[in-house]
N, C-alpha and C. Protein backbone atom coordinates (compact mmCIF):
# COMPACT_ATOMS: atom_id res chain seq x y z
N UNK A 1 -11.67 -7.16 -20.68
CA UNK A 1 -10.68 -8.06 -21.27
C UNK A 1 -9.65 -7.32 -22.12
N UNK A 2 -10.09 -6.35 -22.91
CA UNK A 2 -9.16 -5.64 -23.78
C UNK A 2 -8.14 -4.84 -22.95
N UNK A 3 -8.62 -4.24 -21.88
CA UNK A 3 -7.72 -3.45 -21.03
C UNK A 3 -6.64 -4.34 -20.42
N UNK A 4 -7.04 -5.49 -19.89
CA UNK A 4 -6.06 -6.42 -19.30
C UNK A 4 -5.08 -6.92 -20.35
N UNK A 5 -5.58 -7.20 -21.54
CA UNK A 5 -4.70 -7.67 -22.60
C UNK A 5 -3.67 -6.60 -22.96
N UNK A 6 -4.12 -5.36 -23.04
CA UNK A 6 -3.21 -4.25 -23.33
C UNK A 6 -2.17 -4.10 -22.23
N UNK A 7 -2.62 -4.16 -20.97
CA UNK A 7 -1.69 -4.05 -19.84
C UNK A 7 -0.69 -5.20 -19.84
N UNK A 8 -1.15 -6.40 -20.14
CA UNK A 8 -0.25 -7.56 -20.20
C UNK A 8 0.78 -7.39 -21.30
N UNK A 9 0.37 -6.88 -22.45
CA UNK A 9 1.33 -6.63 -23.54
C UNK A 9 2.35 -5.58 -23.14
N UNK A 10 1.91 -4.54 -22.46
CA UNK A 10 2.85 -3.51 -21.98
C UNK A 10 3.84 -4.11 -20.98
N UNK A 11 3.35 -5.01 -20.13
CA UNK A 11 4.23 -5.67 -19.16
C UNK A 11 5.25 -6.55 -19.87
N UNK A 12 4.79 -7.33 -20.83
CA UNK A 12 5.69 -8.21 -21.59
C UNK A 12 6.73 -7.41 -22.36
N UNK A 13 6.35 -6.22 -22.84
CA UNK A 13 7.28 -5.35 -23.58
C UNK A 13 8.24 -4.61 -22.64
N UNK A 14 8.06 -4.77 -21.34
CA UNK A 14 8.94 -4.12 -20.37
C UNK A 14 8.60 -2.65 -20.11
N UNK A 15 7.46 -2.21 -20.56
CA UNK A 15 7.08 -0.81 -20.39
C UNK A 15 6.45 -0.55 -19.02
N UNK A 16 5.89 -1.59 -18.42
CA UNK A 16 5.40 -1.52 -17.04
C UNK A 16 5.82 -2.81 -16.34
N UNK A 17 5.97 -2.74 -15.03
CA UNK A 17 6.32 -3.94 -14.27
C UNK A 17 5.11 -4.74 -13.84
N UNK A 18 4.06 -4.02 -13.48
CA UNK A 18 2.86 -4.67 -12.97
C UNK A 18 1.70 -3.70 -13.12
N UNK A 19 0.50 -4.18 -12.88
CA UNK A 19 -0.66 -3.31 -12.94
C UNK A 19 -1.61 -3.66 -11.80
N UNK A 20 -2.43 -2.69 -11.48
CA UNK A 20 -3.37 -2.88 -10.39
C UNK A 20 -4.70 -2.23 -10.73
N UNK A 21 -5.62 -2.34 -9.79
CA UNK A 21 -6.95 -1.76 -9.94
C UNK A 21 -7.20 -0.78 -8.80
N UNK A 22 -8.23 0.03 -8.95
CA UNK A 22 -8.56 1.01 -7.93
C UNK A 22 -10.07 1.08 -7.76
N UNK A 23 -10.49 1.27 -6.52
CA UNK A 23 -11.92 1.40 -6.19
C UNK A 23 -12.72 0.24 -6.77
N UNK A 24 -12.20 -0.95 -6.57
CA UNK A 24 -12.81 -2.15 -7.13
C UNK A 24 -13.56 -2.93 -6.07
N UNK A 25 -14.44 -3.79 -6.52
CA UNK A 25 -15.25 -4.65 -5.64
C UNK A 25 -14.63 -6.05 -5.58
N UNK A 26 -15.06 -6.89 -4.62
CA UNK A 26 -14.56 -8.27 -4.59
C UNK A 26 -14.86 -9.01 -5.91
N UNK A 27 -16.06 -8.86 -6.42
CA UNK A 27 -16.42 -9.52 -7.67
C UNK A 27 -15.49 -9.07 -8.81
N UNK A 28 -15.24 -7.77 -8.89
CA UNK A 28 -14.39 -7.25 -9.95
C UNK A 28 -12.96 -7.78 -9.86
N UNK A 29 -12.40 -7.80 -8.66
CA UNK A 29 -11.03 -8.30 -8.49
C UNK A 29 -10.97 -9.77 -8.89
N UNK A 30 -11.94 -10.56 -8.46
CA UNK A 30 -11.93 -11.98 -8.82
C UNK A 30 -12.08 -12.19 -10.32
N UNK A 31 -12.84 -11.34 -10.97
CA UNK A 31 -12.96 -11.44 -12.44
C UNK A 31 -11.61 -11.16 -13.11
N UNK A 32 -10.93 -10.12 -12.65
CA UNK A 32 -9.59 -9.82 -13.19
C UNK A 32 -8.65 -10.99 -12.98
N UNK A 33 -8.66 -11.54 -11.76
CA UNK A 33 -7.77 -12.66 -11.45
C UNK A 33 -8.11 -13.89 -12.31
N UNK A 34 -9.37 -14.17 -12.45
CA UNK A 34 -9.82 -15.32 -13.23
C UNK A 34 -9.42 -15.17 -14.70
N UNK A 35 -9.64 -14.00 -15.24
CA UNK A 35 -9.32 -13.75 -16.65
C UNK A 35 -7.81 -13.88 -16.89
N UNK A 36 -7.02 -13.34 -15.98
CA UNK A 36 -5.56 -13.44 -16.13
C UNK A 36 -5.12 -14.90 -16.06
N UNK A 37 -5.66 -15.65 -15.11
CA UNK A 37 -5.29 -17.06 -14.97
C UNK A 37 -5.67 -17.85 -16.21
N UNK A 38 -6.87 -17.61 -16.71
CA UNK A 38 -7.36 -18.31 -17.89
C UNK A 38 -6.45 -18.09 -19.11
N UNK A 39 -5.86 -16.90 -19.19
CA UNK A 39 -5.02 -16.56 -20.34
C UNK A 39 -3.52 -16.73 -20.07
N UNK A 40 -3.17 -17.20 -18.87
CA UNK A 40 -1.76 -17.40 -18.54
C UNK A 40 -0.99 -16.10 -18.36
N UNK A 41 -1.68 -15.06 -17.95
CA UNK A 41 -1.07 -13.75 -17.77
C UNK A 41 -0.72 -13.51 -16.31
N UNK A 42 0.11 -12.52 -16.10
CA UNK A 42 0.37 -12.08 -14.72
C UNK A 42 -0.93 -11.53 -14.15
N UNK A 43 -1.11 -11.75 -12.88
CA UNK A 43 -2.35 -11.28 -12.27
C UNK A 43 -2.21 -9.84 -11.79
N UNK A 44 -3.34 -9.25 -11.49
CA UNK A 44 -3.39 -7.91 -10.91
C UNK A 44 -2.51 -7.93 -9.66
N UNK A 45 -1.63 -6.95 -9.53
CA UNK A 45 -0.67 -6.93 -8.42
C UNK A 45 -1.18 -6.19 -7.19
N UNK A 46 -2.07 -5.23 -7.39
CA UNK A 46 -2.49 -4.41 -6.26
C UNK A 46 -3.89 -3.86 -6.47
N UNK A 47 -4.44 -3.40 -5.36
CA UNK A 47 -5.73 -2.72 -5.39
C UNK A 47 -5.60 -1.46 -4.54
N UNK A 48 -6.05 -0.35 -5.07
CA UNK A 48 -5.99 0.93 -4.36
C UNK A 48 -7.41 1.33 -4.00
N UNK A 49 -7.74 1.19 -2.73
CA UNK A 49 -9.06 1.54 -2.23
C UNK A 49 -8.89 2.34 -0.94
N UNK A 50 -9.94 3.07 -0.51
CA UNK A 50 -9.84 3.77 0.77
C UNK A 50 -9.84 2.77 1.92
N UNK A 51 -9.08 3.07 2.95
CA UNK A 51 -9.08 2.22 4.14
C UNK A 51 -8.58 3.05 5.32
N UNK A 52 -9.39 3.12 6.35
CA UNK A 52 -9.03 3.85 7.56
C UNK A 52 -9.97 3.44 8.69
N UNK A 53 -9.75 3.99 9.86
CA UNK A 53 -10.58 3.64 11.02
C UNK A 53 -12.06 3.96 10.82
N UNK A 54 -12.37 4.92 9.97
CA UNK A 54 -13.76 5.32 9.74
C UNK A 54 -14.37 4.62 8.53
N UNK A 55 -13.55 3.93 7.76
CA UNK A 55 -14.02 3.23 6.57
C UNK A 55 -13.24 1.93 6.43
N UNK A 56 -13.77 0.88 7.03
CA UNK A 56 -13.14 -0.43 6.98
C UNK A 56 -13.92 -1.38 6.08
N UNK A 57 -14.65 -0.84 5.12
CA UNK A 57 -15.46 -1.68 4.24
C UNK A 57 -14.60 -2.65 3.42
N UNK A 58 -13.33 -2.34 3.24
CA UNK A 58 -12.41 -3.23 2.52
C UNK A 58 -12.38 -4.61 3.19
N UNK A 59 -12.62 -4.64 4.48
CA UNK A 59 -12.57 -5.90 5.23
C UNK A 59 -13.70 -6.85 4.87
N UNK A 60 -14.73 -6.36 4.22
CA UNK A 60 -15.87 -7.20 3.83
C UNK A 60 -15.65 -7.76 2.44
N UNK A 61 -14.92 -8.84 2.35
CA UNK A 61 -14.69 -9.51 1.07
C UNK A 61 -13.35 -9.22 0.46
N UNK A 62 -13.00 -7.96 0.32
CA UNK A 62 -11.75 -7.62 -0.36
C UNK A 62 -10.51 -7.99 0.45
N UNK A 63 -10.57 -7.89 1.76
CA UNK A 63 -9.38 -8.21 2.57
C UNK A 63 -8.98 -9.67 2.39
N UNK A 64 -9.95 -10.55 2.39
CA UNK A 64 -9.62 -11.97 2.21
C UNK A 64 -9.03 -12.23 0.82
N UNK A 65 -9.62 -11.64 -0.19
CA UNK A 65 -9.08 -11.79 -1.55
C UNK A 65 -7.67 -11.22 -1.62
N UNK A 66 -7.51 -10.05 -1.07
CA UNK A 66 -6.21 -9.39 -1.08
C UNK A 66 -5.14 -10.26 -0.42
N UNK A 67 -5.46 -10.80 0.73
CA UNK A 67 -4.51 -11.62 1.48
C UNK A 67 -4.25 -12.96 0.79
N UNK A 68 -5.31 -13.66 0.45
CA UNK A 68 -5.15 -15.02 -0.12
C UNK A 68 -4.60 -15.02 -1.54
N UNK A 69 -4.91 -13.99 -2.30
CA UNK A 69 -4.47 -13.93 -3.70
C UNK A 69 -3.23 -13.05 -3.89
N UNK A 70 -2.69 -12.51 -2.79
CA UNK A 70 -1.50 -11.64 -2.84
C UNK A 70 -1.71 -10.44 -3.76
N UNK A 71 -2.85 -9.80 -3.60
CA UNK A 71 -3.16 -8.57 -4.31
C UNK A 71 -3.18 -7.48 -3.23
N UNK A 72 -2.02 -6.90 -2.96
CA UNK A 72 -1.86 -5.99 -1.83
C UNK A 72 -2.67 -4.72 -1.95
N UNK A 73 -3.20 -4.29 -0.80
CA UNK A 73 -3.95 -3.03 -0.74
C UNK A 73 -2.98 -1.86 -0.66
N UNK A 74 -3.16 -0.90 -1.54
CA UNK A 74 -2.50 0.40 -1.45
C UNK A 74 -3.56 1.30 -0.82
N UNK A 75 -3.53 1.40 0.49
CA UNK A 75 -4.59 2.08 1.23
C UNK A 75 -4.50 3.59 1.06
N UNK A 76 -5.54 4.16 0.48
CA UNK A 76 -5.55 5.62 0.38
C UNK A 76 -6.52 6.21 1.39
N UNK A 77 -6.29 7.46 1.70
CA UNK A 77 -7.06 8.20 2.69
C UNK A 77 -7.00 7.57 4.08
N UNK A 78 -5.80 7.15 4.51
CA UNK A 78 -5.69 6.51 5.83
C UNK A 78 -6.02 7.45 6.98
N UNK A 79 -6.00 8.74 6.73
CA UNK A 79 -6.36 9.72 7.76
C UNK A 79 -7.72 10.36 7.47
N UNK A 80 -8.47 9.77 6.56
CA UNK A 80 -9.85 10.20 6.29
C UNK A 80 -9.93 11.70 6.02
N UNK A 81 -9.22 12.15 4.98
CA UNK A 81 -9.18 13.57 4.60
C UNK A 81 -8.66 14.45 5.73
N UNK A 82 -7.86 13.87 6.63
CA UNK A 82 -7.31 14.64 7.75
C UNK A 82 -8.17 14.60 8.99
N UNK A 83 -9.35 14.01 8.90
CA UNK A 83 -10.25 13.93 10.06
C UNK A 83 -9.59 13.15 11.19
N UNK A 84 -8.83 12.10 10.84
CA UNK A 84 -8.18 11.28 11.86
C UNK A 84 -6.86 11.87 12.37
N UNK A 85 -6.61 13.13 12.06
CA UNK A 85 -5.50 13.84 12.72
C UNK A 85 -6.02 14.56 13.95
N UNK A 86 -7.32 14.75 14.00
CA UNK A 86 -7.94 15.47 15.10
C UNK A 86 -8.07 16.96 14.86
N UNK A 87 -7.57 17.44 13.73
CA UNK A 87 -7.57 18.90 13.51
C UNK A 87 -8.96 19.48 13.29
N UNK A 88 -9.95 18.64 13.02
CA UNK A 88 -11.32 19.14 12.83
C UNK A 88 -12.20 18.91 14.06
N UNK A 89 -11.61 18.39 15.12
CA UNK A 89 -12.40 18.11 16.33
C UNK A 89 -13.02 19.38 16.89
N UNK A 90 -14.16 19.21 17.52
CA UNK A 90 -14.88 20.33 18.17
C UNK A 90 -15.23 21.44 17.19
N UNK A 91 -15.52 21.07 15.95
CA UNK A 91 -15.97 22.04 14.96
C UNK A 91 -14.89 22.92 14.37
N UNK A 92 -13.62 22.64 14.62
CA UNK A 92 -12.53 23.46 14.08
C UNK A 92 -12.44 23.31 12.57
N UNK A 93 -12.08 24.40 11.91
CA UNK A 93 -11.87 24.40 10.46
C UNK A 93 -10.57 25.15 10.18
N UNK A 94 -9.44 24.45 10.29
CA UNK A 94 -8.15 25.10 10.08
C UNK A 94 -8.04 25.74 8.69
N UNK A 95 -7.43 26.90 8.67
CA UNK A 95 -7.24 27.62 7.41
C UNK A 95 -6.43 26.77 6.44
N UNK A 96 -6.84 26.77 5.18
CA UNK A 96 -6.17 26.06 4.09
C UNK A 96 -6.16 24.54 4.25
N UNK A 97 -6.96 24.00 5.14
CA UNK A 97 -7.05 22.54 5.25
C UNK A 97 -8.03 22.03 4.19
N UNK A 98 -7.91 20.76 3.88
CA UNK A 98 -8.71 20.16 2.80
C UNK A 98 -10.21 20.40 2.99
N UNK A 99 -10.72 20.11 4.18
CA UNK A 99 -12.16 20.23 4.38
C UNK A 99 -12.63 21.67 4.52
N UNK A 100 -11.72 22.58 4.80
CA UNK A 100 -12.07 24.00 4.80
C UNK A 100 -12.12 24.50 3.36
N UNK A 101 -11.15 24.08 2.57
CA UNK A 101 -11.10 24.49 1.16
C UNK A 101 -12.17 23.80 0.31
N UNK A 102 -12.50 22.56 0.68
CA UNK A 102 -13.45 21.76 -0.10
C UNK A 102 -14.53 21.20 0.81
N UNK A 103 -15.45 22.04 1.27
CA UNK A 103 -16.46 21.59 2.24
C UNK A 103 -17.40 20.51 1.71
N UNK A 104 -17.48 20.36 0.40
CA UNK A 104 -18.34 19.31 -0.15
C UNK A 104 -17.77 17.91 0.06
N UNK A 105 -16.51 17.80 0.51
CA UNK A 105 -15.94 16.51 0.87
C UNK A 105 -16.45 16.15 2.27
N UNK A 106 -17.68 15.72 2.34
CA UNK A 106 -18.31 15.53 3.65
C UNK A 106 -18.44 14.07 4.07
N UNK A 107 -17.76 13.19 3.39
CA UNK A 107 -17.84 11.76 3.68
C UNK A 107 -17.54 11.44 5.15
N UNK A 108 -16.61 12.17 5.75
CA UNK A 108 -16.18 11.90 7.12
C UNK A 108 -16.70 12.94 8.10
N UNK A 109 -17.82 13.56 7.78
CA UNK A 109 -18.34 14.67 8.60
C UNK A 109 -19.64 14.33 9.32
N UNK A 110 -20.07 13.09 9.27
CA UNK A 110 -21.33 12.72 9.92
C UNK A 110 -21.16 12.73 11.44
N UNK A 111 -22.29 12.73 12.13
CA UNK A 111 -22.24 12.68 13.60
C UNK A 111 -21.60 11.37 14.06
N UNK A 112 -21.85 10.29 13.34
CA UNK A 112 -21.23 9.01 13.69
C UNK A 112 -19.71 9.07 13.54
N UNK A 113 -19.25 9.75 12.49
CA UNK A 113 -17.81 9.90 12.30
C UNK A 113 -17.21 10.71 13.45
N UNK A 114 -17.89 11.80 13.81
CA UNK A 114 -17.39 12.64 14.90
C UNK A 114 -17.33 11.87 16.21
N UNK A 115 -18.35 11.07 16.47
CA UNK A 115 -18.38 10.25 17.68
C UNK A 115 -17.24 9.23 17.66
N UNK A 116 -17.01 8.62 16.51
CA UNK A 116 -15.92 7.66 16.37
C UNK A 116 -14.56 8.32 16.59
N UNK A 117 -14.38 9.48 16.00
CA UNK A 117 -13.10 10.20 16.15
C UNK A 117 -12.83 10.47 17.63
N UNK A 118 -13.85 10.88 18.37
CA UNK A 118 -13.65 11.14 19.80
C UNK A 118 -13.27 9.86 20.53
N UNK A 119 -13.91 8.76 20.18
CA UNK A 119 -13.59 7.48 20.82
C UNK A 119 -12.16 7.04 20.49
N UNK A 120 -11.78 7.14 19.22
CA UNK A 120 -10.42 6.76 18.82
C UNK A 120 -9.39 7.70 19.46
N UNK A 121 -9.73 8.97 19.56
CA UNK A 121 -8.82 9.92 20.19
C UNK A 121 -8.59 9.55 21.66
N UNK A 122 -9.62 9.11 22.33
CA UNK A 122 -9.48 8.68 23.73
C UNK A 122 -8.54 7.48 23.85
N UNK A 123 -8.67 6.53 22.94
CA UNK A 123 -7.78 5.36 22.92
C UNK A 123 -6.33 5.83 22.70
N UNK A 124 -6.16 6.73 21.75
CA UNK A 124 -4.81 7.23 21.45
C UNK A 124 -4.20 7.92 22.67
N UNK A 125 -4.94 8.86 23.25
CA UNK A 125 -4.43 9.61 24.40
C UNK A 125 -4.10 8.68 25.57
N UNK A 126 -4.98 7.74 25.83
CA UNK A 126 -4.78 6.79 26.94
C UNK A 126 -3.49 5.99 26.77
N UNK A 127 -3.08 5.80 25.51
CA UNK A 127 -1.91 4.98 25.22
C UNK A 127 -0.69 5.79 24.78
N UNK A 128 -0.74 7.09 25.02
CA UNK A 128 0.41 7.94 24.72
C UNK A 128 0.70 8.14 23.25
N UNK A 129 -0.34 8.08 22.44
CA UNK A 129 -0.20 8.26 21.00
C UNK A 129 -1.03 9.45 20.56
N UNK A 130 -0.67 10.01 19.41
CA UNK A 130 -1.55 10.99 18.79
C UNK A 130 -2.60 10.22 18.00
N UNK A 131 -3.69 10.87 17.68
CA UNK A 131 -4.73 10.24 16.87
C UNK A 131 -4.15 9.82 15.51
N UNK A 132 -3.30 10.66 14.95
CA UNK A 132 -2.64 10.35 13.68
C UNK A 132 -1.84 9.06 13.79
N UNK A 133 -1.05 8.95 14.85
CA UNK A 133 -0.22 7.75 15.03
C UNK A 133 -1.09 6.50 15.15
N UNK A 134 -2.15 6.59 15.93
CA UNK A 134 -3.06 5.46 16.09
C UNK A 134 -3.66 5.04 14.75
N UNK A 135 -4.17 6.02 14.02
CA UNK A 135 -4.83 5.73 12.74
C UNK A 135 -3.87 5.11 11.73
N UNK A 136 -2.68 5.67 11.59
CA UNK A 136 -1.72 5.14 10.62
C UNK A 136 -1.16 3.80 11.06
N UNK A 137 -0.88 3.65 12.35
CA UNK A 137 -0.35 2.37 12.85
C UNK A 137 -1.37 1.26 12.64
N UNK A 138 -2.66 1.57 12.79
CA UNK A 138 -3.69 0.57 12.55
C UNK A 138 -3.65 0.10 11.09
N UNK A 139 -3.61 1.02 10.17
CA UNK A 139 -3.56 0.65 8.74
C UNK A 139 -2.28 -0.14 8.46
N UNK A 140 -1.16 0.33 8.97
CA UNK A 140 0.12 -0.36 8.75
C UNK A 140 0.09 -1.80 9.26
N UNK A 141 -0.68 -2.05 10.31
CA UNK A 141 -0.72 -3.35 10.98
C UNK A 141 -1.50 -4.42 10.21
N UNK A 142 -2.34 -4.03 9.28
CA UNK A 142 -3.19 -5.00 8.60
C UNK A 142 -2.37 -5.87 7.65
N UNK A 143 -2.58 -7.19 7.67
CA UNK A 143 -1.76 -8.10 6.86
C UNK A 143 -1.99 -7.98 5.35
N UNK A 144 -3.08 -7.36 4.94
CA UNK A 144 -3.38 -7.23 3.51
C UNK A 144 -2.89 -5.91 2.93
N UNK A 145 -2.34 -5.03 3.76
CA UNK A 145 -1.87 -3.72 3.29
C UNK A 145 -0.43 -3.84 2.79
N UNK A 146 -0.23 -3.42 1.55
CA UNK A 146 1.09 -3.38 0.96
C UNK A 146 1.73 -2.01 1.15
N UNK A 147 0.90 -0.97 1.05
CA UNK A 147 1.40 0.39 1.20
C UNK A 147 0.30 1.27 1.77
N UNK A 148 0.71 2.15 2.64
CA UNK A 148 -0.19 3.12 3.26
C UNK A 148 0.11 4.46 2.60
N UNK A 149 -0.80 4.96 1.80
CA UNK A 149 -0.55 6.18 1.03
C UNK A 149 -0.81 7.39 1.93
N UNK A 150 0.26 7.91 2.48
CA UNK A 150 0.17 9.04 3.40
C UNK A 150 0.16 10.35 2.62
N UNK A 151 -0.25 11.40 3.29
CA UNK A 151 -0.23 12.73 2.71
C UNK A 151 0.10 13.73 3.80
N UNK A 152 0.89 14.70 3.46
CA UNK A 152 1.28 15.71 4.45
C UNK A 152 1.46 17.05 3.74
N UNK A 153 1.18 18.11 4.46
CA UNK A 153 1.36 19.44 3.89
C UNK A 153 2.55 20.18 4.50
N UNK A 154 3.20 19.57 5.48
CA UNK A 154 4.41 20.18 6.03
C UNK A 154 5.34 19.08 6.55
N UNK A 155 6.56 19.46 6.87
CA UNK A 155 7.58 18.49 7.27
C UNK A 155 7.22 17.78 8.57
N UNK A 156 6.65 18.50 9.53
CA UNK A 156 6.33 17.84 10.80
C UNK A 156 5.25 16.78 10.60
N UNK A 157 4.27 17.04 9.74
CA UNK A 157 3.26 16.03 9.43
C UNK A 157 3.90 14.83 8.74
N UNK A 158 4.77 15.10 7.80
CA UNK A 158 5.46 14.03 7.07
C UNK A 158 6.27 13.17 8.04
N UNK A 159 6.97 13.80 8.94
CA UNK A 159 7.78 13.08 9.94
C UNK A 159 6.89 12.18 10.79
N UNK A 160 5.79 12.72 11.30
CA UNK A 160 4.87 11.92 12.12
C UNK A 160 4.29 10.75 11.31
N UNK A 161 3.93 11.01 10.07
CA UNK A 161 3.38 9.95 9.22
C UNK A 161 4.39 8.84 9.00
N UNK A 162 5.60 9.20 8.64
CA UNK A 162 6.64 8.20 8.36
C UNK A 162 6.98 7.41 9.61
N UNK A 163 7.09 8.08 10.74
CA UNK A 163 7.46 7.41 11.98
C UNK A 163 6.38 6.44 12.48
N UNK A 164 5.20 6.52 11.92
CA UNK A 164 4.14 5.59 12.33
C UNK A 164 4.49 4.14 12.02
N UNK A 165 5.42 3.91 11.10
CA UNK A 165 5.80 2.53 10.78
C UNK A 165 6.50 1.84 11.95
N UNK A 166 7.00 2.61 12.89
CA UNK A 166 7.68 2.04 14.05
C UNK A 166 6.75 1.77 15.22
N UNK A 167 5.47 2.12 15.09
CA UNK A 167 4.50 1.93 16.16
C UNK A 167 3.79 0.60 15.95
N UNK A 168 3.86 -0.24 16.95
CA UNK A 168 3.16 -1.52 16.92
C UNK A 168 2.06 -1.48 17.96
N UNK A 169 0.84 -1.64 17.53
CA UNK A 169 -0.30 -1.61 18.43
C UNK A 169 -0.43 -2.96 19.13
N UNK A 170 -0.56 -2.93 20.45
CA UNK A 170 -0.70 -4.19 21.20
C UNK A 170 -2.13 -4.69 21.12
N UNK A 171 -2.34 -5.90 21.63
CA UNK A 171 -3.66 -6.54 21.55
C UNK A 171 -4.73 -5.74 22.28
N UNK A 172 -4.36 -5.09 23.39
CA UNK A 172 -5.33 -4.28 24.14
C UNK A 172 -5.83 -3.11 23.30
N UNK A 173 -4.90 -2.42 22.64
CA UNK A 173 -5.29 -1.28 21.80
C UNK A 173 -6.13 -1.77 20.61
N UNK A 174 -5.72 -2.85 19.99
CA UNK A 174 -6.48 -3.38 18.86
C UNK A 174 -7.88 -3.80 19.28
N UNK A 175 -8.02 -4.36 20.49
CA UNK A 175 -9.35 -4.71 20.98
C UNK A 175 -10.19 -3.46 21.18
N UNK A 176 -9.60 -2.41 21.74
CA UNK A 176 -10.34 -1.15 21.94
C UNK A 176 -10.79 -0.58 20.59
N UNK A 177 -9.91 -0.63 19.60
CA UNK A 177 -10.25 -0.16 18.26
C UNK A 177 -11.42 -0.98 17.70
N UNK A 178 -11.32 -2.28 17.83
CA UNK A 178 -12.37 -3.14 17.29
C UNK A 178 -13.68 -2.99 18.06
N UNK A 179 -13.61 -2.71 19.36
CA UNK A 179 -14.83 -2.46 20.13
C UNK A 179 -15.55 -1.21 19.62
N UNK A 180 -14.77 -0.17 19.31
CA UNK A 180 -15.36 1.06 18.75
C UNK A 180 -15.99 0.75 17.40
N UNK A 181 -15.26 0.00 16.59
CA UNK A 181 -15.76 -0.36 15.25
C UNK A 181 -17.05 -1.18 15.34
N UNK A 182 -17.14 -2.07 16.30
CA UNK A 182 -18.36 -2.87 16.46
C UNK A 182 -19.53 -1.99 16.89
N UNK A 183 -19.26 -0.97 17.69
CA UNK A 183 -20.30 -0.07 18.18
C UNK A 183 -20.74 0.88 17.07
N UNK A 184 -19.78 1.39 16.31
CA UNK A 184 -20.07 2.34 15.23
C UNK A 184 -19.35 1.85 13.96
N UNK A 185 -19.89 0.85 13.30
CA UNK A 185 -19.18 0.29 12.14
C UNK A 185 -19.23 1.21 10.91
N UNK A 186 -18.07 1.46 10.34
CA UNK A 186 -17.95 2.21 9.09
C UNK A 186 -18.84 3.45 9.03
N UNK A 187 -18.62 4.39 9.91
CA UNK A 187 -19.51 5.56 9.96
C UNK A 187 -19.45 6.47 8.74
N UNK A 188 -18.46 6.30 7.89
CA UNK A 188 -18.36 7.18 6.72
C UNK A 188 -19.15 6.67 5.53
N UNK A 189 -19.72 5.48 5.66
CA UNK A 189 -20.41 4.92 4.50
C UNK A 189 -21.92 5.00 4.61
């Protein structure tokens, strides 16, 4: 309560426009919303949680809250530490890449994740897309996503990431994605 009151005072003073939460649960978001409503304050504007093809746990509870309460998701790690670029496929460890530099970041390194990446890569290739394009276009397509927090280490990666906003996945591709997800749900968790 004290944190929200402080944030609301900062907003009223014009020092911030809005505030959001990060790595929150459905219960936590609803508590923030309830407390703000009870006090006549502006509500939480956004939630920043991980969301990608390998981690769709946001869809269990938070997506509905996000959509119905207009608390947009600022999706981080849409490429799953770069795993959804395909650069780590077949055991590759590119020099100076995140997972080479920080091998303890193993959230997306399970056998289930590797199997999922191969399946998503097949969908991408079959439809003339890169794995990166497929992964980012999927996140961009979700109605509860306000912003897709991309990351790039060079201009060509940045260009590919930005251009993903122009890719619209058709119903066939979305069904293939969802079929993979049903077979191997949230392999990173």
